[in-house]
Amino acid sequence: MLVVSRKVNQSVVIGNGDMGIAQLMVVEIRGDKVRLGFQAHPAVPVHRFEVHRAVQREMALRGEKSFAQVVSYVPEPTPAPTLTLQFPSYQLLSAALSSGVVQFEPLNSVEGAQYDAA
């Protein structure tokens, strides 16, 4: 558990990014009560703990996934597609070029193409 001291109008950011997942700000301190302000993306539910427990219990009864289960699911990265080019083997291509049957045209003849003649 992280324990920090904050004064009125000071905040704590939860998560990464510019605003994180949520921002918690001390709005007011009155006697033994602290008023807190929460700012989060609309998709992030913010509840008092007792309400959170009731929501989780209700979701479990209905067989629904909780927000935490949905957020914690990170799919496996999909591999980049493999591009297979159908060209003759190097020896056939080399023979065709050297015999003059196939002529090579440099890429710089194609508009916008980058070609290094070196």
N, C-alpha and C. Protein backbone atom coordinates (compact mmCIF):
# COMPACT_ATOMS: atom_id res chain seq x y z
N MET A 1 0.85 -1.18 0.00
CA MET A 1 0.00 0.00 0.00
C MET A 1 0.89 1.24 0.00
N LEU A 2 0.57 2.17 -0.86
CA LEU A 2 1.28 3.44 -0.92
C LEU A 2 0.57 4.42 0.00
N VAL A 3 1.30 5.03 0.90
CA VAL A 3 0.73 6.04 1.79
C VAL A 3 1.44 7.35 1.51
N VAL A 4 0.67 8.38 1.16
CA VAL A 4 1.24 9.69 0.87
C VAL A 4 0.49 10.76 1.64
N SER A 5 1.14 11.87 1.87
CA SER A 5 0.49 13.03 2.48
C SER A 5 0.21 14.03 1.37
N ARG A 6 -1.00 14.56 1.33
CA ARG A 6 -1.40 15.54 0.34
C ARG A 6 -2.11 16.68 1.04
N LYS A 7 -1.95 17.87 0.54
CA LYS A 7 -2.67 19.04 1.04
C LYS A 7 -3.85 19.30 0.13
N VAL A 8 -4.71 20.23 0.51
CA VAL A 8 -5.85 20.60 -0.32
C VAL A 8 -5.36 21.02 -1.70
N ASN A 9 -6.05 20.56 -2.74
CA ASN A 9 -5.76 20.81 -4.15
C ASN A 9 -4.53 20.06 -4.67
N GLN A 10 -3.95 19.20 -3.87
CA GLN A 10 -2.88 18.33 -4.36
C GLN A 10 -3.50 17.00 -4.76
N SER A 11 -2.87 16.34 -5.73
CA SER A 11 -3.49 15.11 -6.24
C SER A 11 -2.49 13.98 -6.38
N VAL A 12 -3.03 12.81 -6.66
CA VAL A 12 -2.27 11.60 -6.94
C VAL A 12 -2.81 11.04 -8.24
N VAL A 13 -1.92 10.63 -9.14
CA VAL A 13 -2.33 10.04 -10.42
C VAL A 13 -2.11 8.54 -10.34
N ILE A 14 -3.09 7.79 -10.82
CA ILE A 14 -3.02 6.33 -10.83
C ILE A 14 -2.89 5.88 -12.27
N GLY A 15 -1.86 5.10 -12.58
CA GLY A 15 -1.67 4.60 -13.94
C GLY A 15 -0.69 5.44 -14.72
N ASN A 16 -0.49 5.07 -15.99
CA ASN A 16 0.46 5.75 -16.87
C ASN A 16 -0.24 6.72 -17.80
N GLY A 17 0.54 7.45 -18.58
CA GLY A 17 -0.01 8.39 -19.55
C GLY A 17 -0.12 9.78 -18.95
N ASP A 18 -0.65 10.71 -19.73
CA ASP A 18 -0.76 12.10 -19.28
C ASP A 18 -1.58 12.23 -18.00
N MET A 19 -2.77 11.63 -18.00
CA MET A 19 -3.65 11.71 -16.83
C MET A 19 -3.72 10.39 -16.09
N GLY A 20 -3.04 9.37 -16.56
CA GLY A 20 -3.13 8.06 -15.94
C GLY A 20 -4.51 7.48 -16.15
N ILE A 21 -4.87 6.52 -15.34
CA ILE A 21 -6.20 5.92 -15.40
C ILE A 21 -7.16 6.79 -14.61
N ALA A 22 -6.67 7.33 -13.51
CA ALA A 22 -7.52 8.17 -12.66
C ALA A 22 -6.65 9.15 -11.90
N GLN A 23 -7.29 10.23 -11.47
CA GLN A 23 -6.61 11.23 -10.66
C GLN A 23 -7.44 11.43 -9.41
N LEU A 24 -6.79 11.43 -8.26
CA LEU A 24 -7.43 11.61 -6.97
C LEU A 24 -6.92 12.91 -6.37
N MET A 25 -7.84 13.82 -6.02
CA MET A 25 -7.45 15.12 -5.48
C MET A 25 -8.09 15.36 -4.12
N VAL A 26 -7.33 15.92 -3.20
CA VAL A 26 -7.88 16.34 -1.91
C VAL A 26 -8.60 17.66 -2.16
N VAL A 27 -9.92 17.65 -2.00
CA VAL A 27 -10.74 18.84 -2.27
C VAL A 27 -10.88 19.71 -1.03
N GLU A 28 -11.08 19.06 0.12
CA GLU A 28 -11.33 19.83 1.35
C GLU A 28 -11.03 18.95 2.56
N ILE A 29 -10.54 19.58 3.61
CA ILE A 29 -10.34 18.90 4.89
C ILE A 29 -11.17 19.64 5.92
N ARG A 30 -12.11 18.93 6.53
CA ARG A 30 -13.00 19.53 7.53
C ARG A 30 -12.98 18.67 8.78
N GLY A 31 -12.28 19.10 9.81
CA GLY A 31 -12.21 18.30 11.03
C GLY A 31 -11.56 16.97 10.75
N ASP A 32 -12.30 15.88 11.04
CA ASP A 32 -11.75 14.54 10.83
C ASP A 32 -12.20 13.93 9.50
N LYS A 33 -12.76 14.76 8.62
CA LYS A 33 -13.21 14.27 7.31
C LYS A 33 -12.41 14.91 6.18
N VAL A 34 -12.10 14.09 5.20
CA VAL A 34 -11.38 14.55 4.02
C VAL A 34 -12.29 14.34 2.82
N ARG A 35 -12.52 15.39 2.05
CA ARG A 35 -13.31 15.27 0.82
C ARG A 35 -12.35 15.04 -0.33
N LEU A 36 -12.62 14.00 -1.09
CA LEU A 36 -11.77 13.62 -2.21
C LEU A 36 -12.51 13.80 -3.52
N GLY A 37 -11.79 14.23 -4.53
CA GLY A 37 -12.35 14.34 -5.88
C GLY A 37 -11.65 13.35 -6.78
N PHE A 38 -12.43 12.64 -7.58
CA PHE A 38 -11.89 11.66 -8.51
C PHE A 38 -12.17 12.08 -9.93
N GLN A 39 -11.17 11.99 -10.77
CA GLN A 39 -11.34 12.26 -12.19
C GLN A 39 -10.82 11.04 -12.94
N ALA A 40 -11.70 10.43 -13.74
CA ALA A 40 -11.31 9.23 -14.48
C ALA A 40 -12.05 9.19 -15.80
N HIS A 41 -11.55 8.39 -16.70
CA HIS A 41 -12.23 8.17 -17.98
C HIS A 41 -13.62 7.61 -17.69
N PRO A 42 -14.63 7.98 -18.48
CA PRO A 42 -15.99 7.49 -18.23
C PRO A 42 -16.10 5.96 -18.19
N ALA A 43 -15.21 5.25 -18.84
CA ALA A 43 -15.26 3.79 -18.84
C ALA A 43 -14.71 3.19 -17.55
N VAL A 44 -14.07 4.01 -16.71
CA VAL A 44 -13.49 3.52 -15.46
C VAL A 44 -14.47 3.80 -14.33
N PRO A 45 -15.06 2.75 -13.75
CA PRO A 45 -16.00 2.98 -12.65
C PRO A 45 -15.26 3.43 -11.39
N VAL A 46 -15.84 4.39 -10.69
CA VAL A 46 -15.29 4.87 -9.42
C VAL A 46 -16.40 4.75 -8.38
N HIS A 47 -16.18 3.92 -7.35
CA HIS A 47 -17.19 3.68 -6.32
C HIS A 47 -16.55 3.76 -4.94
N ARG A 48 -17.37 4.05 -3.94
CA ARG A 48 -16.92 3.84 -2.56
C ARG A 48 -16.72 2.34 -2.39
N PHE A 49 -15.87 1.94 -1.45
CA PHE A 49 -15.53 0.52 -1.31
C PHE A 49 -16.76 -0.35 -1.08
N GLU A 50 -17.66 0.09 -0.20
CA GLU A 50 -18.84 -0.73 0.10
C GLU A 50 -19.74 -0.89 -1.14
N VAL A 51 -19.83 0.13 -1.97
CA VAL A 51 -20.60 0.04 -3.21
C VAL A 51 -19.88 -0.89 -4.19
N HIS A 52 -18.57 -0.78 -4.26
CA HIS A 52 -17.77 -1.64 -5.14
C HIS A 52 -18.01 -3.12 -4.80
N ARG A 53 -17.98 -3.45 -3.50
CA ARG A 53 -18.21 -4.85 -3.09
C ARG A 53 -19.59 -5.32 -3.52
N ALA A 54 -20.60 -4.47 -3.36
CA ALA A 54 -21.96 -4.84 -3.75
C ALA A 54 -22.05 -5.06 -5.26
N VAL A 55 -21.41 -4.20 -6.03
CA VAL A 55 -21.41 -4.34 -7.49
C VAL A 55 -20.71 -5.63 -7.90
N GLN A 56 -19.56 -5.94 -7.29
CA GLN A 56 -18.83 -7.16 -7.61
C GLN A 56 -19.65 -8.40 -7.26
N ARG A 57 -20.32 -8.37 -6.12
CA ARG A 57 -21.16 -9.49 -5.70
C ARG A 57 -22.30 -9.71 -6.71
N GLU A 58 -22.95 -8.62 -7.11
CA GLU A 58 -24.05 -8.69 -8.08
C GLU A 58 -23.56 -9.22 -9.43
N MET A 59 -22.39 -8.76 -9.87
CA MET A 59 -21.83 -9.23 -11.14
C MET A 59 -21.50 -10.72 -11.07
N ALA A 60 -20.98 -11.17 -9.93
CA ALA A 60 -20.64 -12.59 -9.76
C ALA A 60 -21.91 -13.44 -9.83
N LEU A 61 -23.00 -12.96 -9.23
CA LEU A 61 -24.26 -13.70 -9.26
C LEU A 61 -24.80 -13.83 -10.69
N ARG A 62 -24.57 -12.80 -11.50
CA ARG A 62 -25.04 -12.82 -12.89
C ARG A 62 -24.04 -13.49 -13.83
N GLY A 63 -22.86 -13.84 -13.32
CA GLY A 63 -21.84 -14.48 -14.15
C GLY A 63 -21.12 -13.52 -15.08
N GLU A 64 -21.14 -12.23 -14.77
CA GLU A 64 -20.48 -11.24 -15.61
C GLU A 64 -19.03 -11.06 -15.18
N LYS A 65 -18.22 -10.60 -16.12
CA LYS A 65 -16.83 -10.28 -15.79
C LYS A 65 -16.78 -8.90 -15.17
N SER A 66 -15.90 -8.75 -14.19
CA SER A 66 -15.72 -7.44 -13.57
C SER A 66 -14.85 -6.57 -14.46
N PHE A 67 -14.85 -5.28 -14.20
CA PHE A 67 -14.02 -4.34 -14.96
C PHE A 67 -12.55 -4.74 -14.83
N ALA A 68 -12.13 -5.15 -13.62
CA ALA A 68 -10.74 -5.54 -13.40
C ALA A 68 -10.37 -6.74 -14.25
N GLN A 69 -11.29 -7.71 -14.39
CA GLN A 69 -11.00 -8.87 -15.22
C GLN A 69 -10.88 -8.48 -16.69
N VAL A 70 -11.72 -7.56 -17.13
CA VAL A 70 -11.67 -7.12 -18.52
C VAL A 70 -10.39 -6.35 -18.79
N VAL A 71 -10.03 -5.43 -17.87
CA VAL A 71 -8.83 -4.60 -18.05
C VAL A 71 -7.57 -5.44 -17.94
N SER A 72 -7.57 -6.46 -17.05
CA SER A 72 -6.35 -7.24 -16.87
C SER A 72 -6.12 -8.22 -18.01
N TYR A 73 -7.12 -8.44 -18.86
CA TYR A 73 -6.93 -9.33 -20.00
C TYR A 73 -6.11 -8.63 -21.06
N VAL A 74 -4.94 -9.16 -21.32
CA VAL A 74 -4.08 -8.62 -22.37
C VAL A 74 -3.88 -9.73 -23.39
N PRO A 75 -4.43 -9.59 -24.58
CA PRO A 75 -4.30 -10.66 -25.57
C PRO A 75 -2.85 -10.85 -25.99
N GLU A 76 -2.55 -12.08 -26.38
CA GLU A 76 -1.21 -12.37 -26.90
C GLU A 76 -0.98 -11.55 -28.16
N PRO A 77 0.21 -11.00 -28.33
CA PRO A 77 0.46 -10.24 -29.55
C PRO A 77 0.38 -11.16 -30.76
N THR A 78 -0.24 -10.66 -31.80
CA THR A 78 -0.33 -11.46 -33.02
C THR A 78 0.92 -11.22 -33.85
N PRO A 79 1.50 -12.29 -34.37
CA PRO A 79 2.71 -12.10 -35.17
C PRO A 79 2.40 -11.35 -36.46
N ALA A 80 3.39 -10.62 -36.92
CA ALA A 80 3.23 -9.89 -38.18
C ALA A 80 3.06 -10.89 -39.31
N PRO A 81 2.23 -10.55 -40.27
CA PRO A 81 2.04 -11.49 -41.38
C PRO A 81 3.34 -11.72 -42.14
N THR A 82 3.52 -12.93 -42.60
CA THR A 82 4.71 -13.28 -43.36
C THR A 82 4.41 -13.10 -44.84
N LEU A 83 5.26 -12.38 -45.51
CA LEU A 83 5.10 -12.13 -46.93
C LEU A 83 6.04 -13.06 -47.69
N THR A 84 5.47 -13.92 -48.49
CA THR A 84 6.28 -14.83 -49.30
C THR A 84 6.22 -14.37 -50.75
N LEU A 85 7.36 -14.08 -51.30
CA LEU A 85 7.43 -13.63 -52.70
C LEU A 85 7.73 -14.82 -53.59
N GLN A 86 7.01 -14.92 -54.68
CA GLN A 86 7.20 -16.03 -55.61
C GLN A 86 8.12 -15.57 -56.75
N PHE A 87 9.42 -15.74 -56.57
CA PHE A 87 10.40 -15.39 -57.59
C PHE A 87 11.21 -16.63 -57.92
N PRO A 88 11.81 -16.68 -59.11
CA PRO A 88 12.71 -17.79 -59.41
C PRO A 88 13.90 -17.75 -58.44
N SER A 89 14.55 -18.86 -58.31
CA SER A 89 15.70 -18.91 -57.41
C SER A 89 16.77 -17.93 -57.87
N TYR A 90 17.71 -17.65 -56.99
CA TYR A 90 18.78 -16.70 -57.29
C TYR A 90 19.55 -17.11 -58.55
N GLN A 91 19.82 -18.43 -58.68
CA GLN A 91 20.60 -18.90 -59.83
C GLN A 91 19.85 -18.65 -61.14
N LEU A 92 18.54 -18.94 -61.15
CA LEU A 92 17.76 -18.73 -62.37
C LEU A 92 17.68 -17.25 -62.72
N LEU A 93 17.46 -16.41 -61.71
CA LEU A 93 17.38 -14.98 -61.94
C LEU A 93 18.71 -14.45 -62.44
N SER A 94 19.80 -14.90 -61.82
CA SER A 94 21.13 -14.46 -62.22
C SER A 94 21.42 -14.87 -63.67
N ALA A 95 21.05 -16.11 -64.03
CA ALA A 95 21.28 -16.59 -65.40
C ALA A 95 20.45 -15.80 -66.40
N ALA A 96 19.21 -15.50 -66.04
CA ALA A 96 18.34 -14.74 -66.94
C ALA A 96 18.88 -13.34 -67.15
N LEU A 97 19.38 -12.71 -66.09
CA LEU A 97 19.93 -11.35 -66.20
C LEU A 97 21.21 -11.36 -67.04
N SER A 98 22.10 -12.34 -66.78
CA SER A 98 23.38 -12.36 -67.49
C SER A 98 23.22 -12.74 -68.97
N SER A 99 22.19 -13.49 -69.31
CA SER A 99 21.99 -13.88 -70.71
C SER A 99 21.31 -12.79 -71.52
N GLY A 100 20.77 -11.79 -70.84
CA GLY A 100 20.10 -10.72 -71.55
C GLY A 100 18.63 -11.00 -71.82
N VAL A 101 18.15 -12.20 -71.40
CA VAL A 101 16.73 -12.54 -71.59
C VAL A 101 15.86 -11.61 -70.75
N VAL A 102 16.34 -11.31 -69.55
CA VAL A 102 15.62 -10.40 -68.65
C VAL A 102 16.46 -9.15 -68.52
N GLN A 103 15.85 -8.01 -68.65
CA GLN A 103 16.58 -6.75 -68.50
C GLN A 103 16.16 -6.10 -67.19
N PHE A 104 17.12 -5.50 -66.54
CA PHE A 104 16.90 -4.86 -65.25
C PHE A 104 16.67 -3.38 -65.45
N GLU A 105 15.60 -2.85 -64.87
CA GLU A 105 15.33 -1.42 -64.93
C GLU A 105 15.44 -0.87 -63.51
N PRO A 106 16.35 0.09 -63.27
CA PRO A 106 16.54 0.61 -61.92
C PRO A 106 15.25 1.20 -61.34
N LEU A 107 15.16 1.12 -60.01
CA LEU A 107 13.97 1.64 -59.31
C LEU A 107 13.79 3.13 -59.48
N ASN A 108 14.88 3.88 -59.73
CA ASN A 108 14.72 5.33 -59.83
C ASN A 108 13.91 5.74 -61.05
N SER A 109 13.59 4.78 -61.92
CA SER A 109 12.74 5.11 -63.06
C SER A 109 11.26 5.13 -62.65
N VAL A 110 10.97 4.61 -61.47
CA VAL A 110 9.60 4.63 -60.96
C VAL A 110 9.41 5.92 -60.18
N GLU A 111 8.36 6.65 -60.48
CA GLU A 111 8.12 7.95 -59.84
C GLU A 111 8.01 7.78 -58.33
N GLY A 112 8.76 8.56 -57.59
CA GLY A 112 8.71 8.56 -56.13
C GLY A 112 9.57 7.49 -55.47
N ALA A 113 10.19 6.60 -56.25
CA ALA A 113 10.99 5.53 -55.66
C ALA A 113 12.35 6.06 -55.26
N GLN A 114 12.89 5.53 -54.17
CA GLN A 114 14.23 5.88 -53.71
C GLN A 114 15.19 4.81 -54.23
N TYR A 115 16.30 5.23 -54.81
CA TYR A 115 17.24 4.26 -55.36
C TYR A 115 18.65 4.71 -55.05
N ASP A 116 19.42 3.78 -54.51
CA ASP A 116 20.82 4.06 -54.21
C ASP A 116 21.66 3.33 -55.25
N ALA A 117 22.31 4.07 -56.14
CA ALA A 117 23.07 3.47 -57.24
C ALA A 117 24.38 2.87 -56.78
N ALA A 118 24.76 3.07 -55.53
CA ALA A 118 26.03 2.55 -55.04
C ALA A 118 25.96 1.12 -54.86
